[in-house]
Amino acid sequence: MVRLVGISDSISLSYRALCKSRYDKSKWKIAGHLRGAVNADDFRDDMLFFLFLRSVSDNDEIEAARKPRKDYPTLAGDAG
């Protein structure tokens, strides 16, 4: 099946690109505002630490959902 690209498609793509560009600029502006007077290296270290903690937390939740430990208490409504 051949699909012809019309003017509306190119306008839609341009509009999406413009929105993404504005969104990206806003994200960086907000990040800069939140960072404030903090040294960029310190900010990076803090963010990497938070990403690490999030990764550990997410992996722990996935593992707990996949294979619950026997010594964890169960709620009255839990099957099993």
PDB file of N, CA and C in Angstrom:
ATOM      1  N   MET A   1       0.841  -1.165   0.000  1.00  0.00           N
ATOM      2  CA  MET A   1       0.000   0.000   0.000  1.00  0.00           C
ATOM      3  C   MET A   1       0.895   1.238   0.000  1.00  0.00           C
ATOM      4  N   VAL A   2       0.618   2.147  -0.877  1.00  0.00           N
ATOM      5  CA  VAL A   2       1.399   3.376  -0.992  1.00  0.00           C
ATOM      6  C   VAL A   2       0.620   4.497  -0.331  1.00  0.00           C
ATOM      7  N   ARG A   3       1.289   5.238   0.509  1.00  0.00           N
ATOM      8  CA  ARG A   3       0.636   6.355   1.191  1.00  0.00           C
ATOM      9  C   ARG A   3       1.289   7.638   0.718  1.00  0.00           C
ATOM     10  N   LEU A   4       0.470   8.533   0.242  1.00  0.00           N
ATOM     11  CA  LEU A   4       0.988   9.812  -0.216  1.00  0.00           C
ATOM     12  C   LEU A   4       1.043  10.780   0.960  1.00  0.00           C
ATOM     13  N   VAL A   5       2.137  11.495   1.037  1.00  0.00           N
ATOM     14  CA  VAL A   5       2.296  12.477   2.093  1.00  0.00           C
ATOM     15  C   VAL A   5       1.752  13.793   1.586  1.00  0.00           C
ATOM     16  N   GLY A   6       0.754  14.295   2.284  1.00  0.00           N
ATOM     17  CA  GLY A   6       0.130  15.542   1.870  1.00  0.00           C
ATOM     18  C   GLY A   6       0.617  16.718   2.683  1.00  0.00           C
ATOM     19  N   ILE A   7       0.053  17.868   2.373  1.00  0.00           N
ATOM     20  CA  ILE A   7       0.427  19.083   3.083  1.00  0.00           C
ATOM     21  C   ILE A   7       0.067  18.975   4.558  1.00  0.00           C
ATOM     22  N   SER A   8      -1.084  18.379   4.850  1.00  0.00           N
ATOM     23  CA  SER A   8      -1.500  18.274   6.254  1.00  0.00           C
ATOM     24  C   SER A   8      -0.531  17.412   7.057  1.00  0.00           C
ATOM     25  N   ASP A   9       0.035  16.364   6.423  1.00  0.00           N
ATOM     26  CA  ASP A   9       1.020  15.525   7.110  1.00  0.00           C
ATOM     27  C   ASP A   9       2.280  16.309   7.426  1.00  0.00           C
ATOM     28  N   SER A  10       2.756  17.109   6.476  1.00  0.00           N
ATOM     29  CA  SER A  10       3.981  17.868   6.719  1.00  0.00           C
ATOM     30  C   SER A  10       3.748  18.961   7.754  1.00  0.00           C
ATOM     31  N   ILE A  11       2.551  19.547   7.752  1.00  0.00           N
ATOM     32  CA  ILE A  11       2.229  20.549   8.771  1.00  0.00           C
ATOM     33  C   ILE A  11       2.166  19.880  10.139  1.00  0.00           C
ATOM     34  N   SER A  12       1.557  18.711  10.183  1.00  0.00           N
ATOM     35  CA  SER A  12       1.454  17.985  11.435  1.00  0.00           C
ATOM     36  C   SER A  12       2.838  17.644  11.982  1.00  0.00           C
ATOM     37  N   LEU A  13       3.743  17.192  11.099  1.00  0.00           N
ATOM     38  CA  LEU A  13       5.104  16.873  11.525  1.00  0.00           C
ATOM     39  C   LEU A  13       5.837  18.123  11.988  1.00  0.00           C
ATOM     40  N   SER A  14       5.656  19.236  11.281  1.00  0.00           N
ATOM     41  CA  SER A  14       6.302  20.483  11.679  1.00  0.00           C
ATOM     42  C   SER A  14       5.783  20.947  13.026  1.00  0.00           C
ATOM     43  N   TYR A  15       4.476  20.832  13.224  1.00  0.00           N
ATOM     44  CA  TYR A  15       3.876  21.248  14.485  1.00  0.00           C
ATOM     45  C   TYR A  15       4.388  20.386  15.636  1.00  0.00           C
ATOM     46  N   ARG A  16       4.475  19.079  15.403  1.00  0.00           N
ATOM     47  CA  ARG A  16       5.003  18.181  16.437  1.00  0.00           C
ATOM     48  C   ARG A  16       6.447  18.513  16.771  1.00  0.00           C
ATOM     49  N   ALA A  17       7.238  18.794  15.742  1.00  0.00           N
ATOM     50  CA  ALA A  17       8.645  19.145  15.970  1.00  0.00           C
ATOM     51  C   ALA A  17       8.747  20.441  16.763  1.00  0.00           C
ATOM     52  N   LEU A  18       7.894  21.414  16.431  1.00  0.00           N
ATOM     53  CA  LEU A  18       7.898  22.680  17.148  1.00  0.00           C
ATOM     54  C   LEU A  18       7.502  22.478  18.608  1.00  0.00           C
ATOM     55  N   CYS A  19       6.473  21.672  18.841  1.00  0.00           N
ATOM     56  CA  CYS A  19       6.030  21.403  20.213  1.00  0.00           C
ATOM     57  C   CYS A  19       7.119  20.691  21.006  1.00  0.00           C
ATOM     58  N   LYS A  20       7.780  19.719  20.374  1.00  0.00           N
ATOM     59  CA  LYS A  20       8.857  18.995  21.050  1.00  0.00           C
ATOM     60  C   LYS A  20      10.003  19.929  21.377  1.00  0.00           C
ATOM     61  N   SER A  21      10.330  20.818  20.445  1.00  0.00           N
ATOM     62  CA  SER A  21      11.402  21.772  20.672  1.00  0.00           C
ATOM     63  C   SER A  21      11.071  22.678  21.855  1.00  0.00           C
ATOM     64  N   ARG A  22       9.848  23.179  21.893  1.00  0.00           N
ATOM     65  CA  ARG A  22       9.435  24.035  23.015  1.00  0.00           C
ATOM     66  C   ARG A  22       9.444  23.252  24.324  1.00  0.00           C
ATOM     67  N   TYR A  23       8.997  22.012  24.264  1.00  0.00           N
ATOM     68  CA  TYR A  23       8.970  21.159  25.456  1.00  0.00           C
ATOM     69  C   TYR A  23      10.385  20.928  25.978  1.00  0.00           C
ATOM     70  N   ASP A  24      11.311  20.610  25.059  1.00  0.00           N
ATOM     71  CA  ASP A  24      12.696  20.377  25.460  1.00  0.00           C
ATOM     72  C   ASP A  24      13.309  21.633  26.079  1.00  0.00           C
ATOM     73  N   LYS A  25      13.054  22.780  25.476  1.00  0.00           N
ATOM     74  CA  LYS A  25      13.578  24.034  26.026  1.00  0.00           C
ATOM     75  C   LYS A  25      13.005  24.292  27.413  1.00  0.00           C
ATOM     76  N   SER A  26      11.719  24.000  27.584  1.00  0.00           N
ATOM     77  CA  SER A  26      11.084  24.195  28.891  1.00  0.00           C
ATOM     78  C   SER A  26      11.695  23.276  29.938  1.00  0.00           C
ATOM     79  N   LYS A  27      11.946  22.019  29.560  1.00  0.00           N
ATOM     80  CA  LYS A  27      12.540  21.076  30.506  1.00  0.00           C
ATOM     81  C   LYS A  27      13.891  21.576  30.984  1.00  0.00           C
ATOM     82  N   TRP A  28      14.732  22.031  30.060  1.00  0.00           N
ATOM     83  CA  TRP A  28      16.063  22.504  30.435  1.00  0.00           C
ATOM     84  C   TRP A  28      15.979  23.766  31.278  1.00  0.00           C
ATOM     85  N   LYS A  29      15.032  24.638  30.966  1.00  0.00           N
ATOM     86  CA  LYS A  29      14.851  25.859  31.746  1.00  0.00           C
ATOM     87  C   LYS A  29      14.429  25.520  33.173  1.00  0.00           C
ATOM     88  N   ILE A  30      13.488  24.578  33.311  1.00  0.00           N
ATOM     89  CA  ILE A  30      13.032  24.160  34.636  1.00  0.00           C
ATOM     90  C   ILE A  30      14.168  23.494  35.404  1.00  0.00           C
ATOM     91  N   ALA A  31      14.926  22.632  34.729  1.00  0.00           N
ATOM     92  CA  ALA A  31      16.054  21.954  35.384  1.00  0.00           C
ATOM     93  C   ALA A  31      17.083  22.971  35.867  1.00  0.00           C
ATOM     94  N   GLY A  32      17.366  23.980  35.038  1.00  0.00           N
ATOM     95  CA  GLY A  32      18.302  25.028  35.437  1.00  0.00           C
ATOM     96  C   GLY A  32      17.788  25.815  36.630  1.00  0.00           C
ATOM     97  N   HIS A  33      16.489  26.081  36.643  1.00  0.00           N
ATOM     98  CA  HIS A  33      15.889  26.805  37.763  1.00  0.00           C
ATOM     99  C   HIS A  33      15.960  25.979  39.042  1.00  0.00           C
ATOM    100  N   LEU A  34      15.666  24.682  38.947  1.00  0.00           N
ATOM    101  CA  LEU A  34      15.723  23.818  40.119  1.00  0.00           C
ATOM    102  C   LEU A  34      17.147  23.671  40.637  1.00  0.00           C
ATOM    103  N   ARG A  35      18.079  23.610  39.709  1.00  0.00           N
ATOM    104  CA  ARG A  35      19.481  23.454  40.095  1.00  0.00           C
ATOM    105  C   ARG A  35      19.964  24.687  40.828  1.00  0.00           C
ATOM    106  N   GLY A  36      19.516  25.851  40.385  1.00  0.00           N
ATOM    107  CA  GLY A  36      19.883  27.096  41.052  1.00  0.00           C
ATOM    108  C   GLY A  36      21.379  27.322  41.071  1.00  0.00           C
ATOM    109  N   ALA A  37      21.890  27.645  42.232  1.00  0.00           N
ATOM    110  CA  ALA A  37      23.303  27.987  42.371  1.00  0.00           C
ATOM    111  C   ALA A  37      24.174  26.778  42.685  1.00  0.00           C
ATOM    112  N   VAL A  38      23.626  25.586  42.556  1.00  0.00           N
ATOM    113  CA  VAL A  38      24.392  24.377  42.842  1.00  0.00           C
ATOM    114  C   VAL A  38      25.398  24.150  41.715  1.00  0.00           C
ATOM    115  N   ASN A  39      26.575  23.739  42.070  1.00  0.00           N
ATOM    116  CA  ASN A  39      27.600  23.407  41.094  1.00  0.00           C
ATOM    117  C   ASN A  39      27.088  22.281  40.192  1.00  0.00           C
ATOM    118  N   ALA A  40      27.339  22.371  38.898  1.00  0.00           N
ATOM    119  CA  ALA A  40      26.839  21.380  37.940  1.00  0.00           C
ATOM    120  C   ALA A  40      27.329  19.971  38.274  1.00  0.00           C
ATOM    121  N   ASP A  41      28.570  19.842  38.738  1.00  0.00           N
ATOM    122  CA  ASP A  41      29.106  18.519  39.090  1.00  0.00           C
ATOM    123  C   ASP A  41      28.363  17.929  40.291  1.00  0.00           C
ATOM    124  N   ASP A  42      28.081  18.761  41.282  1.00  0.00           N
ATOM    125  CA  ASP A  42      27.333  18.282  42.447  1.00  0.00           C
ATOM    126  C   ASP A  42      25.920  17.887  42.051  1.00  0.00           C
ATOM    127  N   PHE A  43      25.303  18.679  41.197  1.00  0.00           N
ATOM    128  CA  PHE A  43      23.954  18.381  40.730  1.00  0.00           C
ATOM    129  C   PHE A  43      23.934  17.054  39.973  1.00  0.00           C
ATOM    130  N   ARG A  44      24.919  16.853  39.110  1.00  0.00           N
ATOM    131  CA  ARG A  44      25.009  15.600  38.362  1.00  0.00           C
ATOM    132  C   ARG A  44      25.160  14.418  39.308  1.00  0.00           C
ATOM    133  N   ASP A  45      26.036  14.555  40.302  1.00  0.00           N
ATOM    134  CA  ASP A  45      26.237  13.469  41.265  1.00  0.00           C
ATOM    135  C   ASP A  45      24.947  13.159  42.017  1.00  0.00           C
ATOM    136  N   ASP A  46      24.231  14.196  42.420  1.00  0.00           N
ATOM    137  CA  ASP A  46      22.960  13.991  43.120  1.00  0.00           C
ATOM    138  C   ASP A  46      21.956  13.281  42.229  1.00  0.00           C
ATOM    139  N   MET A  47      21.854  13.704  40.981  1.00  0.00           N
ATOM    140  CA  MET A  47      20.895  13.091  40.058  1.00  0.00           C
ATOM    141  C   MET A  47      21.261  11.635  39.775  1.00  0.00           C
ATOM    142  N   LEU A  48      22.543  11.351  39.605  1.00  0.00           N
ATOM    143  CA  LEU A  48      22.953   9.963  39.384  1.00  0.00           C
ATOM    144  C   LEU A  48      22.629   9.097  40.594  1.00  0.00           C
ATOM    145  N   PHE A  49      22.803   9.658  41.793  1.00  0.00           N
ATOM    146  CA  PHE A  49      22.469   8.926  43.008  1.00  0.00           C
ATOM    147  C   PHE A  49      20.975   8.639  43.067  1.00  0.00           C
ATOM    148  N   PHE A  50      20.142   9.645  42.742  1.00  0.00           N
ATOM    149  CA  PHE A  50      18.696   9.429  42.751  1.00  0.00           C
ATOM    150  C   PHE A  50      18.274   8.419  41.689  1.00  0.00           C
ATOM    151  N   LEU A  51      18.903   8.468  40.517  1.00  0.00           N
ATOM    152  CA  LEU A  51      18.588   7.478  39.482  1.00  0.00           C
ATOM    153  C   LEU A  51      18.974   6.069  39.935  1.00  0.00           C
ATOM    154  N   PHE A  52      20.108   5.972  40.623  1.00  0.00           N
ATOM    155  CA  PHE A  52      20.532   4.684  41.149  1.00  0.00           C
ATOM    156  C   PHE A  52      19.514   4.159  42.164  1.00  0.00           C
ATOM    157  N   LEU A  53      19.083   5.028  43.087  1.00  0.00           N
ATOM    158  CA  LEU A  53      18.097   4.603  44.078  1.00  0.00           C
ATOM    159  C   LEU A  53      16.788   4.174  43.416  1.00  0.00           C
ATOM    160  N   ARG A  54      16.374   4.909  42.390  1.00  0.00           N
ATOM    161  CA  ARG A  54      15.144   4.553  41.688  1.00  0.00           C
ATOM    162  C   ARG A  54      15.294   3.195  41.009  1.00  0.00           C
ATOM    163  N   SER A  55      16.453   2.958  40.408  1.00  0.00           N
ATOM    164  CA  SER A  55      16.702   1.683  39.745  1.00  0.00           C
ATOM    165  C   SER A  55      16.648   0.534  40.749  1.00  0.00           C
ATOM    166  N   VAL A  56      17.277   0.717  41.891  1.00  0.00           N
ATOM    167  CA  VAL A  56      17.264  -0.316  42.926  1.00  0.00           C
ATOM    168  C   VAL A  56      15.841  -0.562  43.410  1.00  0.00           C
ATOM    169  N   SER A  57      15.107   0.518  43.633  1.00  0.00           N
ATOM    170  CA  SER A  57      13.726   0.393  44.099  1.00  0.00           C
ATOM    171  C   SER A  57      12.856  -0.321  43.073  1.00  0.00           C
ATOM    172  N   ASP A  58      12.975   0.068  41.799  1.00  0.00           N
ATOM    173  CA  ASP A  58      12.183  -0.568  40.744  1.00  0.00           C
ATOM    174  C   ASP A  58      12.518  -2.049  40.624  1.00  0.00           C
ATOM    175  N   ASN A  59      13.800  -2.374  40.655  1.00  0.00           N
ATOM    176  CA  ASN A  59      14.212  -3.777  40.545  1.00  0.00           C
ATOM    177  C   ASN A  59      13.733  -4.583  41.743  1.00  0.00           C
ATOM    178  N   ASP A  60      13.743  -3.966  42.923  1.00  0.00           N
ATOM    179  CA  ASP A  60      13.267  -4.644  44.121  1.00  0.00           C
ATOM    180  C   ASP A  60      11.769  -4.927  44.029  1.00  0.00           C
ATOM    181  N   GLU A  61      11.009  -3.955  43.526  1.00  0.00           N
ATOM    182  CA  GLU A  61       9.567  -4.153  43.379  1.00  0.00           C
ATOM    183  C   GLU A  61       9.267  -5.247  42.363  1.00  0.00           C
ATOM    184  N   ILE A  62      10.002  -5.259  41.265  1.00  0.00           N
ATOM    185  CA  ILE A  62       9.797  -6.293  40.238  1.00  0.00           C
ATOM    186  C   ILE A  62      10.110  -7.672  40.809  1.00  0.00           C
ATOM    187  N   GLU A  63      11.220  -7.763  41.525  1.00  0.00           N
ATOM    188  CA  GLU A  63      11.615  -9.048  42.107  1.00  0.00           C
ATOM    189  C   GLU A  63      10.609  -9.503  43.165  1.00  0.00           C
ATOM    190  N   ALA A  64      10.121  -8.568  43.974  1.00  0.00           N
ATOM    191  CA  ALA A  64       9.153  -8.919  45.015  1.00  0.00           C
ATOM    192  C   ALA A  64       7.839  -9.386  44.400  1.00  0.00           C
ATOM    193  N   ALA A  65       7.429  -8.776  43.314  1.00  0.00           N
ATOM    194  CA  ALA A  65       6.184  -9.179  42.657  1.00  0.00           C
ATOM    195  C   ALA A  65       6.338 -10.536  41.974  1.00  0.00           C
ATOM    196  N   ARG A  66       7.541 -10.794  41.487  1.00  0.00           N
ATOM    197  CA  ARG A  66       7.777 -12.042  40.764  1.00  0.00           C
ATOM    198  C   ARG A  66       7.905 -13.232  41.719  1.00  0.00           C
ATOM    199  N   LYS A  67       8.602 -13.025  42.821  1.00  0.00           N
ATOM    200  CA  LYS A  67       8.877 -14.144  43.719  1.00  0.00           C
ATOM    201  C   LYS A  67       8.806 -13.657  45.168  1.00  0.00           C
ATOM    202  N   PRO A  68       7.606 -13.653  45.753  1.00  0.00           N
ATOM    203  CA  PRO A  68       7.485 -13.177  47.141  1.00  0.00           C
ATOM    204  C   PRO A  68       8.233 -14.088  48.113  1.00  0.00           C
ATOM    205  N   ARG A  69       8.800 -13.470  49.114  1.00  0.00           N
ATOM    206  CA  ARG A  69       9.533 -14.246  50.114  1.00  0.00           C
ATOM    207  C   ARG A  69       8.547 -14.928  51.063  1.00  0.00           C
ATOM    208  N   LYS A  70       8.954 -16.069  51.586  1.00  0.00           N
ATOM    209  CA  LYS A  70       8.086 -16.844  52.483  1.00  0.00           C
ATOM    210  C   LYS A  70       7.930 -16.176  53.841  1.00  0.00           C
ATOM    211  N   ASP A  71       8.925 -15.386  54.266  1.00  0.00           N
ATOM    212  CA  ASP A  71       8.852 -14.800  55.604  1.00  0.00           C
ATOM    213  C   ASP A  71       8.100 -13.471  55.630  1.00  0.00           C
ATOM    214  N   TYR A  72       7.565 -13.027  54.490  1.00  0.00           N
ATOM    215  CA  TYR A  72       6.761 -11.801  54.475  1.00  0.00           C
ATOM    216  C   TYR A  72       5.358 -12.130  54.965  1.00  0.00           C
ATOM    217  N   PRO A  73       4.805 -11.280  55.791  1.00  0.00           N
ATOM    218  CA  PRO A  73       3.421 -11.518  56.233  1.00  0.00           C
ATOM    219  C   PRO A  73       2.438 -11.299  55.075  1.00  0.00           C
ATOM    220  N   THR A  74       1.346 -12.002  55.117  1.00  0.00           N
ATOM    221  CA  THR A  74       0.313 -11.832  54.086  1.00  0.00           C
ATOM    222  C   THR A  74      -0.889 -11.142  54.694  1.00  0.00           C
ATOM    223  N   LEU A  75      -1.600 -10.396  53.881  1.00  0.00           N
ATOM    224  CA  LEU A  75      -2.812  -9.742  54.325  1.00  0.00           C
ATOM    225  C   LEU A  75      -3.955 -10.726  54.318  1.00  0.00           C
ATOM    226  N   ALA A  76      -5.000 -10.427  55.070  1.00  0.00           N
ATOM    227  CA  ALA A  76      -6.140 -11.332  55.166  1.00  0.00           C
ATOM    228  C   ALA A  76      -6.790 -11.585  53.809  1.00  0.00           C
ATOM    229  N   GLY A  77      -6.795 -10.596  52.927  1.00  0.00           N
ATOM    230  CA  GLY A  77      -7.428 -10.734  51.628  1.00  0.00           C
ATOM    231  C   GLY A  77      -6.539 -11.377  50.572  1.00  0.00           C
ATOM    232  N   ASP A  78      -5.265 -11.602  50.889  1.00  0.00           N
ATOM    233  CA  ASP A  78      -4.342 -12.193  49.912  1.00  0.00           C
ATOM    234  C   ASP A  78      -4.590 -13.677  49.758  1.00  0.00           C
ATOM    235  N   ALA A  79      -4.561 -14.116  48.507  1.00  0.00           N
ATOM    236  CA  ALA A  79      -4.675 -15.556  48.245  1.00  0.00           C
ATOM    237  C   ALA A  79      -3.289 -16.152  48.302  1.00  0.00           C
ATOM    238  N   GLY A  80      -3.173 -17.294  48.838  1.00  0.00           N
ATOM    239  CA  GLY A  80      -1.876 -17.926  48.803  1.00  0.00           C
ATOM    240  C   GLY A  80      -1.453 -18.310  50.117  1.00  0.00           C
TER     241      GLY A  80
END
